[in-house]
Amino acid sequence: MPEKIEMAKTVNEFRVGSVPTVFYIPDFITDSQHDQLLNTIYDAPISKWKSLKNRRLQNWGGVVHEKGLIAQDLPPWLTRITRRINEKSGLFPSSINHVLINEYLPNQGIMPHQDGPAYYPVVAILSLGSPVVIDFTPHPNLSIRVGTRENSVDDEISDQEAAVRNSCEQLDNFHPFSIILMPRSLLIFKDMVYSDYLHGIKDSEVQGCNKDRKTGQTIGIGHESQGLYHLTYSNSFTACSATDPPDLIHKRLSHPSLSKLQKMVPSLSSLFTLDCESCQLGKYTRATFSRSIESRSESIFSLVHFDI
């Protein structure tokens, strides 16, 4: 019993995001274990690979069908890693008996999906090779399921109004979020995230994240698409802090107004004025030239109007 308590305490240190059943463990395996796993995977016979529309995969542990699993023993190299995941996490109700190995080449991904009832209530993802961003989005049918749950309200509120109110309040707790998976890392998600969220990887040639250089905290993640880098925002508010002069920060952030600048950089909340000559000149309007008979020219280019 003390070992289980200590194990749960250790796993809880790796919770990520606002959803309590997502765990991200960096450096779960060593560099040598990582290279050995990759070599073993690619040493498998070509017949072991199954090619799909946008990726290929290996299936180990048997065949999953609508009524369950036709089980086969995992090879020793997979048994070792699955046993370690099970023992170190303590989150699986039984030993891990099935493994899918998905290969994603650049500009390949997988559409948002659920893993189905065969793996419920918990799944683990061990990342090899290169970083990738995995996106979690609330299930489209979540509003229907939430709206049908029982709720207690005052008699003055109709059943329909109560259902709508209860649905909206509970849906406020479900937000899309993304996690960047680094090589050798382990991601585990279970329960609510398993049943109420979809997860997927965007088709993108380049994926990456931005980190604070001082703290190492991830402040932005995104992917490349058709030459543009699209940021994927989480439900958390992101702001920046800086020690540079306010006018320099203002210029670097593309000349926002004082109120917008203070929202982006809370440390400037005590700033009362922002003297930016470019912003002031940019708000000037050109006055029209007065109509004057005396100012008419009598020959070409004898009178020229121009802005300085």
Protein backbone atom coordinates (compact mmCIF):
# COMPACT_ATOMS: atom_id res chain seq x y z
CA MET A 1 0.00 0.00 0.00
CA PRO A 2 2.74 2.60 0.82
CA GLU A 3 4.34 1.90 -2.60
CA LYS A 4 1.04 2.64 -4.39
CA ILE A 5 0.60 5.89 -2.45
CA GLU A 6 4.16 6.95 -3.30
CA MET A 7 3.63 5.99 -6.96
CA ALA A 8 0.41 8.03 -7.19
CA LYS A 9 2.14 11.00 -5.60
CA THR A 10 4.94 10.78 -8.18
CA VAL A 11 2.55 10.53 -11.15
CA ASN A 12 0.52 13.50 -9.93
CA GLU A 13 3.62 15.66 -10.33
CA PHE A 14 3.33 15.16 -14.10
CA ARG A 15 -0.25 16.40 -14.54
CA VAL A 16 -0.49 18.97 -17.32
CA GLY A 17 -3.19 21.45 -18.29
CA SER A 18 -6.49 22.15 -16.59
CA VAL A 19 -7.89 18.65 -17.14
CA PRO A 20 -6.86 16.45 -14.18
CA THR A 21 -6.45 13.17 -16.08
CA VAL A 22 -3.63 14.06 -18.48
CA PHE A 23 -0.04 13.16 -17.55
CA TYR A 24 3.10 14.08 -19.49
CA ILE A 25 6.43 12.52 -18.43
CA PRO A 26 9.49 13.84 -20.30
CA ASP A 27 12.61 11.68 -20.75
CA PHE A 28 10.72 8.52 -19.84
CA ILE A 29 13.32 6.42 -21.65
CA THR A 30 17.03 7.01 -22.23
CA ASP A 31 18.70 7.91 -25.53
CA SER A 32 20.04 4.38 -25.92
CA GLN A 33 16.62 2.84 -25.21
CA HIS A 34 15.09 5.25 -27.72
CA ASP A 35 17.57 4.27 -30.47
CA GLN A 36 17.18 0.59 -29.69
CA LEU A 37 13.40 0.80 -29.96
CA LEU A 38 13.59 2.60 -33.32
CA ASN A 39 16.06 0.05 -34.68
CA THR A 40 13.87 -2.84 -33.56
CA ILE A 41 10.75 -1.26 -35.10
CA TYR A 42 12.39 -0.71 -38.48
CA ASP A 43 14.02 -4.16 -38.42
CA ALA A 44 10.53 -5.71 -38.44
CA PRO A 45 9.58 -7.48 -41.71
CA ILE A 46 7.82 -5.32 -44.29
CA SER A 47 4.76 -7.54 -43.97
CA LYS A 48 4.33 -6.28 -40.41
CA TRP A 49 3.59 -2.78 -41.72
CA LYS A 50 0.03 -1.87 -42.68
CA SER A 51 -0.22 1.12 -45.03
CA LEU A 52 -3.11 3.52 -44.51
CA LYS A 53 -4.12 6.66 -46.42
CA ASN A 54 -1.88 9.06 -44.52
CA ARG A 55 0.45 6.88 -42.45
CA ARG A 56 1.53 3.31 -41.82
CA LEU A 57 1.46 1.27 -38.63
CA GLN A 58 2.44 -1.95 -36.92
CA ASN A 59 -0.08 -3.94 -34.86
CA TRP A 60 1.23 -6.00 -31.92
CA GLY A 61 -0.74 -8.04 -29.39
CA GLY A 62 -3.55 -9.39 -31.54
CA VAL A 63 -6.54 -8.15 -33.50
CA VAL A 64 -9.03 -5.64 -32.08
CA HIS A 65 -12.62 -6.08 -33.26
CA GLU A 66 -16.05 -4.90 -32.14
CA LYS A 67 -16.42 -7.71 -29.60
CA GLY A 68 -12.99 -7.37 -28.02
CA LEU A 69 -9.43 -8.54 -28.63
CA ILE A 70 -8.19 -11.74 -30.24
CA ALA A 71 -5.03 -11.74 -28.15
CA GLN A 72 -1.49 -12.67 -29.10
CA ASP A 73 1.59 -12.44 -26.91
CA LEU A 74 3.64 -9.26 -27.21
CA PRO A 75 7.30 -9.74 -28.23
CA PRO A 76 9.83 -9.42 -25.37
CA TRP A 77 11.07 -5.98 -26.46
CA LEU A 78 7.54 -4.58 -26.21
CA THR A 79 6.74 -6.49 -23.02
CA ARG A 80 9.67 -4.79 -21.28
CA ILE A 81 8.56 -1.27 -22.16
CA THR A 82 4.83 -1.87 -21.49
CA ARG A 83 5.62 -3.43 -18.12
CA ARG A 84 7.70 -0.38 -17.22
CA ILE A 85 4.89 2.00 -18.24
CA ASN A 86 2.42 0.02 -16.15
CA GLU A 87 4.66 -0.18 -13.09
CA LYS A 88 5.89 3.42 -13.16
CA SER A 89 2.49 5.01 -13.74
CA GLY A 90 0.16 2.81 -11.72
CA LEU A 91 -2.70 4.11 -13.89
CA PHE A 92 -3.61 0.96 -15.81
CA PRO A 93 -6.22 -1.41 -14.34
CA SER A 94 -4.36 -4.41 -15.80
CA SER A 95 -1.22 -5.23 -17.76
CA ILE A 96 -0.86 -3.64 -21.21
CA ASN A 97 -1.54 -6.30 -23.86
CA HIS A 98 -1.86 -4.39 -27.14
CA VAL A 99 0.38 -1.88 -28.95
CA LEU A 100 -0.07 0.16 -32.14
CA ILE A 101 3.08 1.74 -33.61
CA ASN A 102 2.17 4.65 -35.90
CA GLU A 103 4.71 6.24 -38.24
CA TYR A 104 4.08 9.88 -39.22
CA LEU A 105 6.26 11.36 -41.94
CA PRO A 106 6.49 15.15 -42.47
CA ASN A 107 3.11 16.57 -43.50
CA GLN A 108 1.31 13.49 -42.18
CA GLY A 109 -1.05 13.36 -39.22
CA ILE A 110 -4.25 11.78 -38.02
CA MET A 111 -7.72 13.30 -37.87
CA PRO A 112 -9.35 13.94 -34.47
CA HIS A 113 -10.66 10.63 -33.14
CA GLN A 114 -11.30 8.45 -30.11
CA ASP A 115 -9.53 5.15 -29.48
CA GLY A 116 -12.75 3.21 -28.96
CA PRO A 117 -14.01 0.99 -26.14
CA ALA A 118 -11.27 -1.65 -26.47
CA TYR A 119 -8.68 0.58 -24.77
CA TYR A 120 -10.98 2.32 -22.27
CA PRO A 121 -10.34 3.92 -19.79
CA VAL A 122 -6.64 4.74 -20.28
CA VAL A 123 -4.10 4.94 -23.10
CA ALA A 124 -0.37 5.74 -23.23
CA ILE A 125 1.66 7.30 -26.07
CA LEU A 126 5.44 6.92 -26.18
CA SER A 127 7.00 9.36 -28.67
CA LEU A 128 10.03 8.45 -30.78
CA GLY A 129 11.96 10.22 -33.51
CA SER A 130 10.91 13.89 -33.57
CA PRO A 131 8.61 16.34 -31.72
CA VAL A 132 4.94 16.53 -32.60
CA VAL A 133 1.94 18.52 -31.36
CA ILE A 134 -1.14 16.55 -30.35
CA ASP A 135 -4.45 18.45 -30.17
CA PHE A 136 -7.33 17.62 -27.82
CA THR A 137 -10.81 18.95 -28.63
CA PRO A 138 -14.12 18.36 -26.81
CA HIS A 139 -16.24 15.70 -28.48
CA PRO A 140 -18.93 17.22 -30.80
CA ASN A 141 -21.60 15.13 -29.06
CA LEU A 142 -20.53 16.35 -25.64
CA SER A 143 -23.21 19.07 -25.51
CA ILE A 144 -25.89 16.47 -26.17
CA ARG A 145 -24.59 14.14 -23.48
CA VAL A 146 -24.14 16.94 -20.97
CA GLY A 147 -27.60 18.32 -21.71
CA THR A 148 -29.23 15.00 -20.90
CA ARG A 149 -27.63 14.63 -17.50
CA GLU A 150 -29.86 15.04 -14.49
CA ASN A 151 -29.91 18.39 -12.75
CA SER A 152 -31.70 19.93 -9.80
CA VAL A 153 -33.16 23.43 -10.18
CA ASP A 154 -35.82 25.62 -8.62
CA ASP A 155 -39.45 24.96 -9.51
CA GLU A 156 -39.67 28.39 -11.11
CA ILE A 157 -37.29 27.33 -13.92
CA SER A 158 -38.67 25.12 -16.66
CA ASP A 159 -37.06 21.76 -17.41
CA GLN A 160 -35.87 23.00 -20.80
CA GLU A 161 -34.29 26.15 -19.35
CA ALA A 162 -32.65 24.10 -16.61
CA ALA A 163 -31.18 21.67 -19.16
CA VAL A 164 -29.75 24.49 -21.27
CA ARG A 165 -28.30 26.26 -18.23
CA ASN A 166 -26.78 23.07 -16.82
CA SER A 167 -25.36 22.15 -20.23
CA CYS A 168 -23.69 25.55 -20.67
CA GLU A 169 -22.24 25.52 -17.16
CA GLN A 170 -20.71 22.08 -17.61
CA LEU A 171 -19.46 22.80 -21.13
CA ASP A 172 -17.51 25.75 -19.71
CA ASN A 173 -15.25 23.14 -18.10
CA PHE A 174 -14.31 21.64 -21.47
CA HIS A 175 -11.77 23.53 -23.56
CA PRO A 176 -9.48 22.47 -26.42
CA PHE A 177 -5.82 22.16 -25.53
CA SER A 178 -2.60 20.98 -27.15
CA ILE A 179 0.56 19.27 -25.91
CA ILE A 180 3.92 19.06 -27.64
CA LEU A 181 5.32 15.53 -27.42
CA MET A 182 9.10 15.46 -27.35
CA PRO A 183 11.08 12.35 -28.30
CA ARG A 184 11.43 9.87 -25.39
CA SER A 185 8.40 11.37 -23.61
CA LEU A 186 5.35 9.49 -22.34
CA LEU A 187 1.80 10.86 -22.49
CA ILE A 188 -1.02 9.16 -20.58
CA PHE A 189 -4.65 10.28 -20.63
CA LYS A 190 -7.65 8.58 -19.09
CA ASP A 191 -11.27 8.74 -17.96
CA MET A 192 -12.87 12.10 -18.89
CA VAL A 193 -10.25 12.98 -21.51
CA TYR A 194 -10.60 9.52 -23.03
CA SER A 195 -14.39 9.60 -23.30
CA ASP A 196 -15.20 13.33 -23.73
CA TYR A 197 -12.35 14.50 -25.98
CA LEU A 198 -11.03 13.77 -29.45
CA HIS A 199 -7.28 13.76 -30.10
CA GLY A 200 -5.41 14.19 -33.36
CA ILE A 201 -2.29 15.48 -35.14
CA LYS A 202 -2.50 18.10 -37.87
CA ASP A 203 -1.02 17.37 -41.30
CA SER A 204 1.95 19.72 -41.16
CA GLU A 205 5.51 19.58 -42.40
CA VAL A 206 6.82 21.62 -39.47
CA GLN A 207 5.55 21.67 -35.89
CA GLY A 208 7.05 23.45 -32.93
CA CYS A 209 6.66 25.46 -29.76
CA ASN A 210 7.84 28.70 -28.20
CA LYS A 211 9.40 28.65 -24.75
CA ASP A 212 10.36 31.33 -22.27
CA ARG A 213 14.16 31.51 -22.41
CA LYS A 214 14.46 32.11 -18.67
CA THR A 215 11.91 29.70 -17.20
CA GLY A 216 11.70 27.12 -19.99
CA GLN A 217 7.89 27.27 -19.78
CA THR A 218 6.01 26.63 -23.01
CA ILE A 219 4.12 29.79 -23.97
CA GLY A 220 2.99 28.89 -27.47
CA ILE A 221 2.71 25.89 -29.78
CA GLY A 222 1.80 25.69 -33.40
CA HIS A 223 2.23 24.16 -36.82
CA GLU A 224 3.17 25.23 -40.32
CA SER A 225 0.62 25.21 -43.13
CA GLN A 226 1.10 26.62 -46.63
CA GLY A 227 3.99 28.80 -45.54
CA LEU A 228 2.25 30.25 -42.47
CA TYR A 229 2.79 29.31 -38.83
CA HIS A 230 -0.51 28.91 -36.98
CA LEU A 231 -0.49 29.14 -33.18
CA THR A 232 -2.69 26.70 -31.27
CA TYR A 233 -3.91 28.43 -28.15
CA SER A 234 -4.87 26.72 -24.91
CA ASN A 235 -7.53 28.01 -22.52
CA SER A 236 -4.89 29.60 -20.31
CA PHE A 237 -4.11 33.31 -20.56
CA THR A 238 -0.62 34.00 -21.86
CA ALA A 239 1.18 37.27 -21.17
CA CYS A 240 4.79 38.32 -21.38
CA SER A 241 7.11 40.20 -19.06
CA ALA A 242 10.08 42.27 -20.11
CA THR A 243 12.75 44.56 -18.72
CA ASP A 244 13.30 46.55 -21.91
CA PRO A 245 12.16 50.22 -22.16
CA PRO A 246 8.41 50.59 -22.82
CA ASP A 247 8.93 52.37 -26.14
CA LEU A 248 11.11 49.50 -27.41
CA ILE A 249 8.54 46.89 -26.34
CA HIS A 250 5.84 48.99 -28.00
CA LYS A 251 7.74 48.98 -31.32
CA ARG A 252 8.56 45.25 -31.15
CA LEU A 253 4.86 44.44 -30.64
CA SER A 254 3.84 46.40 -33.77
CA HIS A 255 2.77 49.65 -32.06
CA PRO A 256 -0.29 48.54 -30.03
CA SER A 257 -2.31 51.11 -28.09
CA LEU A 258 -1.42 51.73 -24.44
CA SER A 259 -4.36 49.65 -23.17
CA LYS A 260 -3.51 46.72 -25.44
CA LEU A 261 0.17 46.96 -24.51
CA GLN A 262 -0.66 46.78 -20.80
CA LYS A 263 -2.74 43.64 -21.38
CA MET A 264 0.13 41.96 -23.19
CA VAL A 265 2.77 43.17 -20.72
CA PRO A 266 1.18 43.45 -17.24
CA SER A 267 4.41 44.88 -15.80
CA LEU A 268 3.58 48.11 -17.68
CA SER A 269 0.23 48.55 -15.95
CA SER A 270 1.50 51.66 -14.13
CA LEU A 271 2.44 53.38 -17.40
CA PHE A 272 0.25 56.48 -17.94
CA THR A 273 1.45 57.78 -21.30
CA LEU A 274 3.13 56.36 -24.35
CA ASP A 275 5.02 58.88 -26.45
CA CYS A 276 5.39 57.36 -29.89
CA GLU A 277 6.01 59.82 -32.71
CA SER A 278 5.16 57.22 -35.37
CA CYS A 279 1.75 56.56 -33.80
CA GLN A 280 1.00 60.28 -33.56
CA LEU A 281 2.01 60.98 -37.16
CA GLY A 282 0.05 57.97 -38.33
CA LYS A 283 -3.15 59.53 -36.98
CA TYR A 284 -2.66 62.81 -38.81
CA THR A 285 -4.99 63.60 -41.70
CA ARG A 286 -4.02 65.62 -44.74
CA ALA A 287 -5.74 69.00 -45.07
CA THR A 288 -7.23 69.88 -48.40
CA PHE A 289 -5.70 72.68 -50.44
CA SER A 290 -7.75 75.87 -50.46
CA ARG A 291 -9.39 76.97 -53.67
CA SER A 292 -7.77 80.27 -54.61
CA ILE A 293 -7.84 82.11 -57.91
CA GLU A 294 -4.58 83.86 -57.04
CA SER A 295 -2.81 80.52 -56.63
CA ARG A 296 -3.61 79.26 -60.11
CA SER A 297 -0.61 78.63 -62.26
CA GLU A 298 -0.27 80.21 -65.67
CA SER A 299 2.19 77.67 -67.03
CA ILE A 300 3.09 74.03 -66.45
CA PHE A 301 5.00 73.35 -63.22
CA SER A 302 5.04 77.04 -62.19
CA LEU A 303 3.10 76.01 -59.05
CA VAL A 304 3.56 72.57 -57.45
CA HIS A 305 1.75 71.17 -54.34
CA PHE A 306 3.41 68.34 -52.46
CA ASP A 307 3.55 66.75 -48.95
CA ILE A 308 6.78 66.70 -46.96
